[in-house]
Amino acid sequence: MVIVHPEVLVNRKRQPKAVLLPYAEWGRIMEDLAELEDIRAYDRAKARRDVAIPFEQAVRELKKKRVS
């Protein structure tokens, strides 16, 4: 878990409007979000139950499509 030290900015009516984070904490959050996207993509792919093909075959097919 990422520990954050947010600063909440409020308007004149004391309503929250924005959050400031130290840059290093923001970087860690972005890395975690990227990893979460990868996990979700993996989960979607597994749920499809498509027939798996070898990695080398997939690369060949992608290269063929790029040339066409």
PDB file of N, CA and C in Angstrom:
ATOM      1  N   MET A   1       0.842  -1.181   0.000  1.00  0.00           N
ATOM      2  CA  MET A   1       0.000   0.000   0.000  1.00  0.00           C
ATOM      3  C   MET A   1       0.882   1.238   0.000  1.00  0.00           C
ATOM      4  N   VAL A   2       0.471   2.213  -0.790  1.00  0.00           N
ATOM      5  CA  VAL A   2       1.201   3.470  -0.868  1.00  0.00           C
ATOM      6  C   VAL A   2       0.708   4.380   0.250  1.00  0.00           C
ATOM      7  N   ILE A   3       1.632   4.897   1.007  1.00  0.00           N
ATOM      8  CA  ILE A   3       1.274   5.865   2.043  1.00  0.00           C
ATOM      9  C   ILE A   3       1.392   7.246   1.423  1.00  0.00           C
ATOM     10  N   VAL A   4       0.329   8.037   1.547  1.00  0.00           N
ATOM     11  CA  VAL A   4       0.322   9.373   0.955  1.00  0.00           C
ATOM     12  C   VAL A   4       0.147  10.437   2.025  1.00  0.00           C
ATOM     13  N   HIS A   5       0.637  11.600   1.695  1.00  0.00           N
ATOM     14  CA  HIS A   5       0.533  12.754   2.587  1.00  0.00           C
ATOM     15  C   HIS A   5      -0.143  13.888   1.819  1.00  0.00           C
ATOM     16  N   PRO A   6      -1.469  13.785   1.626  1.00  0.00           N
ATOM     17  CA  PRO A   6      -2.159  14.788   0.818  1.00  0.00           C
ATOM     18  C   PRO A   6      -2.388  16.094   1.569  1.00  0.00           C
ATOM     19  N   GLU A   7      -2.423  17.154   0.802  1.00  0.00           N
ATOM     20  CA  GLU A   7      -2.855  18.459   1.304  1.00  0.00           C
ATOM     21  C   GLU A   7      -4.118  18.799   0.538  1.00  0.00           C
ATOM     22  N   VAL A   8      -5.202  19.005   1.245  1.00  0.00           N
ATOM     23  CA  VAL A   8      -6.475  19.315   0.600  1.00  0.00           C
ATOM     24  C   VAL A   8      -6.613  20.835   0.479  1.00  0.00           C
ATOM     25  N   LEU A   9      -6.888  21.269  -0.743  1.00  0.00           N
ATOM     26  CA  LEU A   9      -7.129  22.689  -0.995  1.00  0.00           C
ATOM     27  C   LEU A   9      -8.632  22.929  -0.981  1.00  0.00           C
ATOM     28  N   VAL A  10      -9.048  23.995  -0.314  1.00  0.00           N
ATOM     29  CA  VAL A  10     -10.475  24.307  -0.209  1.00  0.00           C
ATOM     30  C   VAL A  10     -10.752  25.679  -0.796  1.00  0.00           C
ATOM     31  N   ASN A  11     -12.011  25.886  -1.176  1.00  0.00           N
ATOM     32  CA  ASN A  11     -12.402  27.204  -1.683  1.00  0.00           C
ATOM     33  C   ASN A  11     -12.798  28.106  -0.519  1.00  0.00           C
ATOM     34  N   ARG A  12     -13.316  29.262  -0.843  1.00  0.00           N
ATOM     35  CA  ARG A  12     -13.682  30.224   0.215  1.00  0.00           C
ATOM     36  C   ARG A  12     -14.790  29.715   1.118  1.00  0.00           C
ATOM     37  N   LYS A  13     -15.595  28.777   0.602  1.00  0.00           N
ATOM     38  CA  LYS A  13     -16.671  28.189   1.409  1.00  0.00           C
ATOM     39  C   LYS A  13     -16.185  26.947   2.154  1.00  0.00           C
ATOM     40  N   ARG A  14     -14.883  26.727   2.132  1.00  0.00           N
ATOM     41  CA  ARG A  14     -14.235  25.608   2.812  1.00  0.00           C
ATOM     42  C   ARG A  14     -14.639  24.250   2.236  1.00  0.00           C
ATOM     43  N   GLN A  15     -15.019  24.256   0.955  1.00  0.00           N
ATOM     44  CA  GLN A  15     -15.337  23.005   0.270  1.00  0.00           C
ATOM     45  C   GLN A  15     -14.058  22.486  -0.403  1.00  0.00           C
ATOM     46  N   PRO A  16     -13.795  21.192  -0.307  1.00  0.00           N
ATOM     47  CA  PRO A  16     -12.588  20.650  -0.935  1.00  0.00           C
ATOM     48  C   PRO A  16     -12.653  20.796  -2.456  1.00  0.00           C
ATOM     49  N   LYS A  17     -11.549  21.236  -3.040  1.00  0.00           N
ATOM     50  CA  LYS A  17     -11.479  21.463  -4.481  1.00  0.00           C
ATOM     51  C   LYS A  17     -10.330  20.722  -5.145  1.00  0.00           C
ATOM     52  N   ALA A  18      -9.268  20.438  -4.437  1.00  0.00           N
ATOM     53  CA  ALA A  18      -8.114  19.777  -5.047  1.00  0.00           C
ATOM     54  C   ALA A  18      -7.264  19.140  -3.957  1.00  0.00           C
ATOM     55  N   VAL A  19      -6.363  18.262  -4.411  1.00  0.00           N
ATOM     56  CA  VAL A  19      -5.438  17.604  -3.493  1.00  0.00           C
ATOM     57  C   VAL A  19      -4.033  17.742  -4.046  1.00  0.00           C
ATOM     58  N   LEU A  20      -3.099  18.109  -3.198  1.00  0.00           N
ATOM     59  CA  LEU A  20      -1.687  18.173  -3.566  1.00  0.00           C
ATOM     60  C   LEU A  20      -0.967  17.000  -2.926  1.00  0.00           C
ATOM     61  N   LEU A  21      -0.090  16.372  -3.710  1.00  0.00           N
ATOM     62  CA  LEU A  21       0.720  15.270  -3.201  1.00  0.00           C
ATOM     63  C   LEU A  21       2.182  15.550  -3.503  1.00  0.00           C
ATOM     64  N   PRO A  22       3.079  15.071  -2.660  1.00  0.00           N
ATOM     65  CA  PRO A  22       4.492  15.136  -3.019  1.00  0.00           C
ATOM     66  C   PRO A  22       4.710  14.368  -4.334  1.00  0.00           C
ATOM     67  N   TYR A  23       5.616  14.866  -5.156  1.00  0.00           N
ATOM     68  CA  TYR A  23       5.833  14.304  -6.483  1.00  0.00           C
ATOM     69  C   TYR A  23       6.215  12.825  -6.423  1.00  0.00           C
ATOM     70  N   ALA A  24       7.042  12.427  -5.482  1.00  0.00           N
ATOM     71  CA  ALA A  24       7.452  11.023  -5.366  1.00  0.00           C
ATOM     72  C   ALA A  24       6.247  10.126  -5.076  1.00  0.00           C
ATOM     73  N   GLU A  25       5.334  10.591  -4.247  1.00  0.00           N
ATOM     74  CA  GLU A  25       4.134   9.816  -3.951  1.00  0.00           C
ATOM     75  C   GLU A  25       3.260   9.692  -5.188  1.00  0.00           C
ATOM     76  N   TRP A  26       3.146  10.772  -5.947  1.00  0.00           N
ATOM     77  CA  TRP A  26       2.381  10.748  -7.194  1.00  0.00           C
ATOM     78  C   TRP A  26       2.983   9.707  -8.156  1.00  0.00           C
ATOM     79  N   GLY A  27       4.295   9.663  -8.248  1.00  0.00           N
ATOM     80  CA  GLY A  27       4.968   8.697  -9.105  1.00  0.00           C
ATOM     81  C   GLY A  27       4.650   7.263  -8.706  1.00  0.00           C
ATOM     82  N   ARG A  28       4.664   6.992  -7.420  1.00  0.00           N
ATOM     83  CA  ARG A  28       4.345   5.642  -6.943  1.00  0.00           C
ATOM     84  C   ARG A  28       2.893   5.285  -7.250  1.00  0.00           C
ATOM     85  N   ILE A  29       2.002   6.241  -7.099  1.00  0.00           N
ATOM     86  CA  ILE A  29       0.587   6.006  -7.417  1.00  0.00           C
ATOM     87  C   ILE A  29       0.432   5.689  -8.901  1.00  0.00           C
ATOM     88  N   MET A  30       1.123   6.422  -9.757  1.00  0.00           N
ATOM     89  CA  MET A  30       1.034   6.177 -11.194  1.00  0.00           C
ATOM     90  C   MET A  30       1.592   4.798 -11.555  1.00  0.00           C
ATOM     91  N   GLU A  31       2.672   4.392 -10.916  1.00  0.00           N
ATOM     92  CA  GLU A  31       3.218   3.046 -11.147  1.00  0.00           C
ATOM     93  C   GLU A  31       2.213   1.979 -10.728  1.00  0.00           C
ATOM     94  N   ASP A  32       1.577   2.178  -9.586  1.00  0.00           N
ATOM     95  CA  ASP A  32       0.578   1.222  -9.108  1.00  0.00           C
ATOM     96  C   ASP A  32      -0.614   1.156 -10.060  1.00  0.00           C
ATOM     97  N   LEU A  33      -1.033   2.304 -10.592  1.00  0.00           N
ATOM     98  CA  LEU A  33      -2.148   2.314 -11.536  1.00  0.00           C
ATOM     99  C   LEU A  33      -1.794   1.570 -12.815  1.00  0.00           C
ATOM    100  N   ALA A  34      -0.564   1.737 -13.287  1.00  0.00           N
ATOM    101  CA  ALA A  34      -0.130   1.019 -14.480  1.00  0.00           C
ATOM    102  C   ALA A  34      -0.150  -0.486 -14.231  1.00  0.00           C
ATOM    103  N   GLU A  35       0.318  -0.893 -13.064  1.00  0.00           N
ATOM    104  CA  GLU A  35       0.302  -2.310 -12.722  1.00  0.00           C
ATOM    105  C   GLU A  35      -1.133  -2.831 -12.625  1.00  0.00           C
ATOM    106  N   LEU A  36      -2.017  -2.037 -12.044  1.00  0.00           N
ATOM    107  CA  LEU A  36      -3.415  -2.434 -11.930  1.00  0.00           C
ATOM    108  C   LEU A  36      -4.038  -2.602 -13.316  1.00  0.00           C
ATOM    109  N   GLU A  37      -3.711  -1.717 -14.255  1.00  0.00           N
ATOM    110  CA  GLU A  37      -4.212  -1.854 -15.622  1.00  0.00           C
ATOM    111  C   GLU A  37      -3.748  -3.165 -16.235  1.00  0.00           C
ATOM    112  N   ASP A  38      -2.484  -3.528 -16.009  1.00  0.00           N
ATOM    113  CA  ASP A  38      -1.961  -4.798 -16.524  1.00  0.00           C
ATOM    114  C   ASP A  38      -2.711  -5.984 -15.921  1.00  0.00           C
ATOM    115  N   ILE A  39      -2.971  -5.928 -14.631  1.00  0.00           N
ATOM    116  CA  ILE A  39      -3.684  -7.010 -13.951  1.00  0.00           C
ATOM    117  C   ILE A  39      -5.099  -7.137 -14.510  1.00  0.00           C
ATOM    118  N   ARG A  40      -5.764  -6.014 -14.705  1.00  0.00           N
ATOM    119  CA  ARG A  40      -7.130  -6.057 -15.244  1.00  0.00           C
ATOM    120  C   ARG A  40      -7.142  -6.583 -16.678  1.00  0.00           C
ATOM    121  N   ALA A  41      -6.157  -6.188 -17.486  1.00  0.00           N
ATOM    122  CA  ALA A  41      -6.068  -6.697 -18.856  1.00  0.00           C
ATOM    123  C   ALA A  41      -5.851  -8.206 -18.841  1.00  0.00           C
ATOM    124  N   TYR A  42      -5.000  -8.676 -17.952  1.00  0.00           N
ATOM    125  CA  TYR A  42      -4.761 -10.119 -17.810  1.00  0.00           C
ATOM    126  C   TYR A  42      -6.052 -10.834 -17.416  1.00  0.00           C
ATOM    127  N   ASP A  43      -6.757 -10.294 -16.449  1.00  0.00           N
ATOM    128  CA  ASP A  43      -8.005 -10.909 -15.992  1.00  0.00           C
ATOM    129  C   ASP A  43      -9.032 -10.964 -17.122  1.00  0.00           C
ATOM    130  N   ARG A  44      -9.132  -9.879 -17.926  1.00  0.00           N
ATOM    131  CA  ARG A  44     -10.065  -9.884 -19.057  1.00  0.00           C
ATOM    132  C   ARG A  44      -9.669 -10.947 -20.075  1.00  0.00           C
ATOM    133  N   ALA A  45      -8.374 -11.047 -20.349  1.00  0.00           N
ATOM    134  CA  ALA A  45      -7.896 -12.033 -21.315  1.00  0.00           C
ATOM    135  C   ALA A  45      -8.190 -13.453 -20.823  1.00  0.00           C
ATOM    136  N   LYS A  46      -7.973 -13.713 -19.562  1.00  0.00           N
ATOM    137  CA  LYS A  46      -8.242 -15.051 -19.013  1.00  0.00           C
ATOM    138  C   LYS A  46      -9.740 -15.366 -19.050  1.00  0.00           C
ATOM    139  N   ALA A  47     -10.565 -14.368 -18.836  1.00  0.00           N
ATOM    140  CA  ALA A  47     -12.009 -14.584 -18.803  1.00  0.00           C
ATOM    141  C   ALA A  47     -12.564 -14.918 -20.181  1.00  0.00           C
ATOM    142  N   ARG A  48     -11.886 -14.483 -21.249  1.00  0.00           N
ATOM    143  CA  ARG A  48     -12.360 -14.750 -22.606  1.00  0.00           C
ATOM    144  C   ARG A  48     -12.245 -16.218 -22.980  1.00  0.00           C
ATOM    145  N   ARG A  49     -11.325 -16.907 -22.375  1.00  0.00           N
ATOM    146  CA  ARG A  49     -11.107 -18.326 -22.634  1.00  0.00           C
ATOM    147  C   ARG A  49     -10.796 -18.602 -24.104  1.00  0.00           C
ATOM    148  N   ASP A  50     -10.119 -17.667 -24.756  1.00  0.00           N
ATOM    149  CA  ASP A  50      -9.673 -17.879 -26.129  1.00  0.00           C
ATOM    150  C   ASP A  50      -8.592 -18.948 -26.152  1.00  0.00           C
ATOM    151  N   VAL A  51      -8.383 -19.499 -27.319  1.00  0.00           N
ATOM    152  CA  VAL A  51      -7.316 -20.481 -27.493  1.00  0.00           C
ATOM    153  C   VAL A  51      -5.985 -19.729 -27.480  1.00  0.00           C
ATOM    154  N   ALA A  52      -5.089 -20.169 -26.637  1.00  0.00           N
ATOM    155  CA  ALA A  52      -3.780 -19.518 -26.538  1.00  0.00           C
ATOM    156  C   ALA A  52      -2.898 -19.951 -27.706  1.00  0.00           C
ATOM    157  N   ILE A  53      -2.071 -19.013 -28.186  1.00  0.00           N
ATOM    158  CA  ILE A  53      -1.098 -19.347 -29.218  1.00  0.00           C
ATOM    159  C   ILE A  53       0.289 -19.022 -28.676  1.00  0.00           C
ATOM    160  N   PRO A  54       1.302 -19.695 -29.181  1.00  0.00           N
ATOM    161  CA  PRO A  54       2.654 -19.421 -28.704  1.00  0.00           C
ATOM    162  C   PRO A  54       3.057 -17.969 -28.994  1.00  0.00           C
ATOM    163  N   PHE A  55       3.884 -17.419 -28.126  1.00  0.00           N
ATOM    164  CA  PHE A  55       4.321 -16.031 -28.250  1.00  0.00           C
ATOM    165  C   PHE A  55       4.965 -15.776 -29.604  1.00  0.00           C
ATOM    166  N   GLU A  56       5.827 -16.693 -30.052  1.00  0.00           N
ATOM    167  CA  GLU A  56       6.530 -16.506 -31.321  1.00  0.00           C
ATOM    168  C   GLU A  56       5.547 -16.416 -32.479  1.00  0.00           C
ATOM    169  N   GLN A  57       4.493 -17.206 -32.437  1.00  0.00           N
ATOM    170  CA  GLN A  57       3.472 -17.155 -33.489  1.00  0.00           C
ATOM    171  C   GLN A  57       2.748 -15.813 -33.465  1.00  0.00           C
ATOM    172  N   ALA A  58       2.437 -15.329 -32.288  1.00  0.00           N
ATOM    173  CA  ALA A  58       1.767 -14.031 -32.168  1.00  0.00           C
ATOM    174  C   ALA A  58       2.640 -12.922 -32.744  1.00  0.00           C
ATOM    175  N   VAL A  59       3.945 -12.961 -32.472  1.00  0.00           N
ATOM    176  CA  VAL A  59       4.860 -11.949 -33.002  1.00  0.00           C
ATOM    177  C   VAL A  59       4.884 -12.016 -34.524  1.00  0.00           C
ATOM    178  N   ARG A  60       4.956 -13.231 -35.082  1.00  0.00           N
ATOM    179  CA  ARG A  60       4.962 -13.383 -36.541  1.00  0.00           C
ATOM    180  C   ARG A  60       3.689 -12.809 -37.154  1.00  0.00           C
ATOM    181  N   GLU A  61       2.552 -13.089 -36.549  1.00  0.00           N
ATOM    182  CA  GLU A  61       1.281 -12.591 -37.078  1.00  0.00           C
ATOM    183  C   GLU A  61       1.205 -11.073 -37.007  1.00  0.00           C
ATOM    184  N   LEU A  62       1.691 -10.497 -35.920  1.00  0.00           N
ATOM    185  CA  LEU A  62       1.682  -9.040 -35.797  1.00  0.00           C
ATOM    186  C   LEU A  62       2.604  -8.398 -36.826  1.00  0.00           C
ATOM    187  N   LYS A  63       3.769  -8.994 -37.057  1.00  0.00           N
ATOM    188  CA  LYS A  63       4.695  -8.463 -38.057  1.00  0.00           C
ATOM    189  C   LYS A  63       4.082  -8.541 -39.442  1.00  0.00           C
ATOM    190  N   LYS A  64       3.370  -9.643 -39.718  1.00  0.00           N
ATOM    191  CA  LYS A  64       2.712  -9.807 -41.013  1.00  0.00           C
ATOM    192  C   LYS A  64       1.672  -8.704 -41.220  1.00  0.00           C
ATOM    193  N   LYS A  65       0.891  -8.406 -40.187  1.00  0.00           N
ATOM    194  CA  LYS A  65      -0.130  -7.372 -40.287  1.00  0.00           C
ATOM    195  C   LYS A  65       0.485  -5.999 -40.509  1.00  0.00           C
ATOM    196  N   ARG A  66       1.637  -5.759 -39.874  1.00  0.00           N
ATOM    197  CA  ARG A  66       2.306  -4.465 -40.004  1.00  0.00           C
ATOM    198  C   ARG A  66       2.818  -4.250 -41.425  1.00  0.00           C
ATOM    199  N   VAL A  67       3.273  -5.301 -42.068  1.00  0.00           N
ATOM    200  CA  VAL A  67       3.814  -5.215 -43.426  1.00  0.00           C
ATOM    201  C   VAL A  67       2.688  -5.038 -44.442  1.00  0.00           C
ATOM    202  N   SER A  68       1.544  -5.635 -44.184  1.00  0.00           N
ATOM    203  CA  SER A  68       0.415  -5.579 -45.127  1.00  0.00           C
ATOM    204  C   SER A  68      -0.152  -4.202 -45.273  1.00  0.00           C
TER     205      SER A  68
END
